Amino acid sequence: MGGATAGISPMRGQTTQWSEWMMDLKMSSSCDISKQPQIKIGHYVLNQTLGVGTFGKVKVGTHEGTGYKVAVKILNRQKIKTLDVVGKIRREIQNLSLFRHPHIIRLYQVISTPTDIFMIMEYVAGGELFDYIVKHGRLKTPEARRFFQQIISGVDYCHRHMVVHRDLKPENLLLDDKNNVKIADFGLSNIMTDGDFLRTSCGSPNYAAPEVISGKLYAGPEVDVWSCGVILYALLCGTLPFDDEHVPSLFRKIKAGIFPIPDHLEKQVVNLLLHMLQVDPMKRATIKDVIQHDWFQKDLPAYLFPPINESEASIVDIEAVKEVTRRYGVLEEDVTNALLGDDPHHHLSIAYNLIVDNKRIADETAKLSIEEFYQVTPSGKFQAADMFHRHPERISGSNKITPYLENIGNSGDSVFNSQNRSQLSSNVTSQKSPHVRRAKWHLGIRSQSRPEDIMYEVFKAMKSLGFEWKIFNPYHIIVRKKPEYSTHEPPKMSLQLYQVDQKSYLLDFKSLVDEDTGSASSSRHASVSMPVKPSLRTGRAQSLPVPMEVDHSPLPSPVATKQSQTMQFFEMCASLIGTLALYNNL
């Protein structure tokens, strides 16, 4: 195994060239302690520098009203534009502003000036988990499990809020003064949309899943599971499962999925590691599998998976309100109005959130201390069934479908032009579904025809049925019946073509009862699975002879009841399936 430092040092490995976003909230051991004039931004006084990154500095700030410390990330607008990372910064702000979790860094406020962006964030003084492993070497099982449980709790929270981190590694896991993990650095993360699959290679290569470094399509959650598996190995072994100074050799090792298993590892955790580090995403563990695992369940704190799904966030803490009134000399009504108002960055709201967060952290620490004193830790069988009833697995719909075909042209294209038609068969990426196969039923119609032939038949069938449609891209369209003289608007549905494997495709039907026309609905309705026989067309489809009626006007919002529109949706599915079957002599 070697010494602790020698064993863990490769963890930095090749990460520098992959992620310049390394200094976000990481506590540097050397701080700028030189005396400088006091700088004030909003209600915060800026103090010493914690670190310097590619886009700016991270400083300690003090909130004037409460005296609590915060971390202030200062992003230079010119550097952001020059390095073309505006989207990355926007994603991090959007993601962090959604989160309220004890093991995810909290974003309190964003202050913009003509030259800089100031992100006011939770202050974490304990440094990186990376440095902790370097200092202590491989950790004892209880400590490693405690860290890992906190990490998985935060990752599960992200996934349930439709966000994948995509760059999980010990450098992005911070420790507070109580040695609790805080997940940071959401600059590479993506909001997950039902039915959408990512194809961006991002993150650090040592922690990246095989499908990521191969440039294949992936849904997102499964790549975070792989990274968590690598982190668990590092916690228990003090080294990385896949490491090589030569990047091509490193990639070969990751794609092979073969790594050394030290003798000191327990059989249970070896089983978990092998499940999380499966090269095939379909066979890889899900977050739910990880949480249900016996090794993970041991000594699992109840607060990591609370019985109430965030409803407590809607309850106003009267004590915190009173503390704000004392500190600011305002009325309780002023504070509650600020909390109920449309401005989440109101200075009274910020003060309230700071007080509540710090009180929550203190309460959790006290609870843990009491549990340790009386030795009443949760049993290994921690009501897993109830827990998963409270926290449904990841995404409601995307774990049942497969990667979609690569978009051609702009996503907002509403015209099916000749250039798109000529490219129909040249941009299909073969990729297996990254999720466990649960049943043989499919949501839509399967076919082994070429994608351009499938869509040709679909447009022909819609034309014969008198449907109207709007084209997002050649493989994704919004469909409705022609409006009749009725008080009810016709229902709308989304048709999108996915590739199941090298030979077959899936035409997915999706009801848009609850969504606007331009966005995919998460409300999915199953239709009867029917194979569509190939049309045996031999030529490359350069044009579609069937005239298509393209509705360029925005589709109106649904007026009819959900029940009525659901029935009409099924009728549309049945008529379209029947027409396609008729055309294909089924």
Foldseek 3Di string as FASTA:
>chain_A
DDDLQVFQVCLCFQQVVFDQPQVQQFFDPDKDQDDDPWDDDDQKIWDIWRDAGQFGTWTWIARNLPRDIWIKGKGFPVSCVVVVLPVLVVQQVVLQCPDDDPAAKHFLDWDDDPTIIITTIHHANAGFQSVVSSVVPADDLVVLLQQLLLVLLVQLVQLLQQKAQLADDRSQWTQHPVRHTYGDDSSPMDRAAAQAWDQAQHYGLLQFALCSVVSHTGRHQLRSLSSSLQRSCCNRGSHGQAGDSDVVNSSVCRLVLDGDDDPVDDPQVVVLSCQSSDNQLASHDGSLNVCQRLSSLALNAQVSQDLADCPCVVDQDVVLLVSLCVSPVDDSVVLVCQVPDPDSNPVSNSSSVVVVSVVVVVVVVVVVVVCVVVVPGDHSNRPSVSSCVNRPGRAPHRLQDAHAWDFDPAQQDFDADLVLLLCQQPGGDFDAGSHHHDDPWHFAEKEQAGPSVVLLLLQVLCVVVQKEWTDSGSFKIKIWHDDDPDPWDTWIWMWGKHHNGPGMIGTHIATQQPHFPPGGDSHGDGDGYYYQYYPPDDDRRSDRPDDHHYDPDGGDHGDDDPVVNVVSSRVVSVSSVVSSCVVRVD
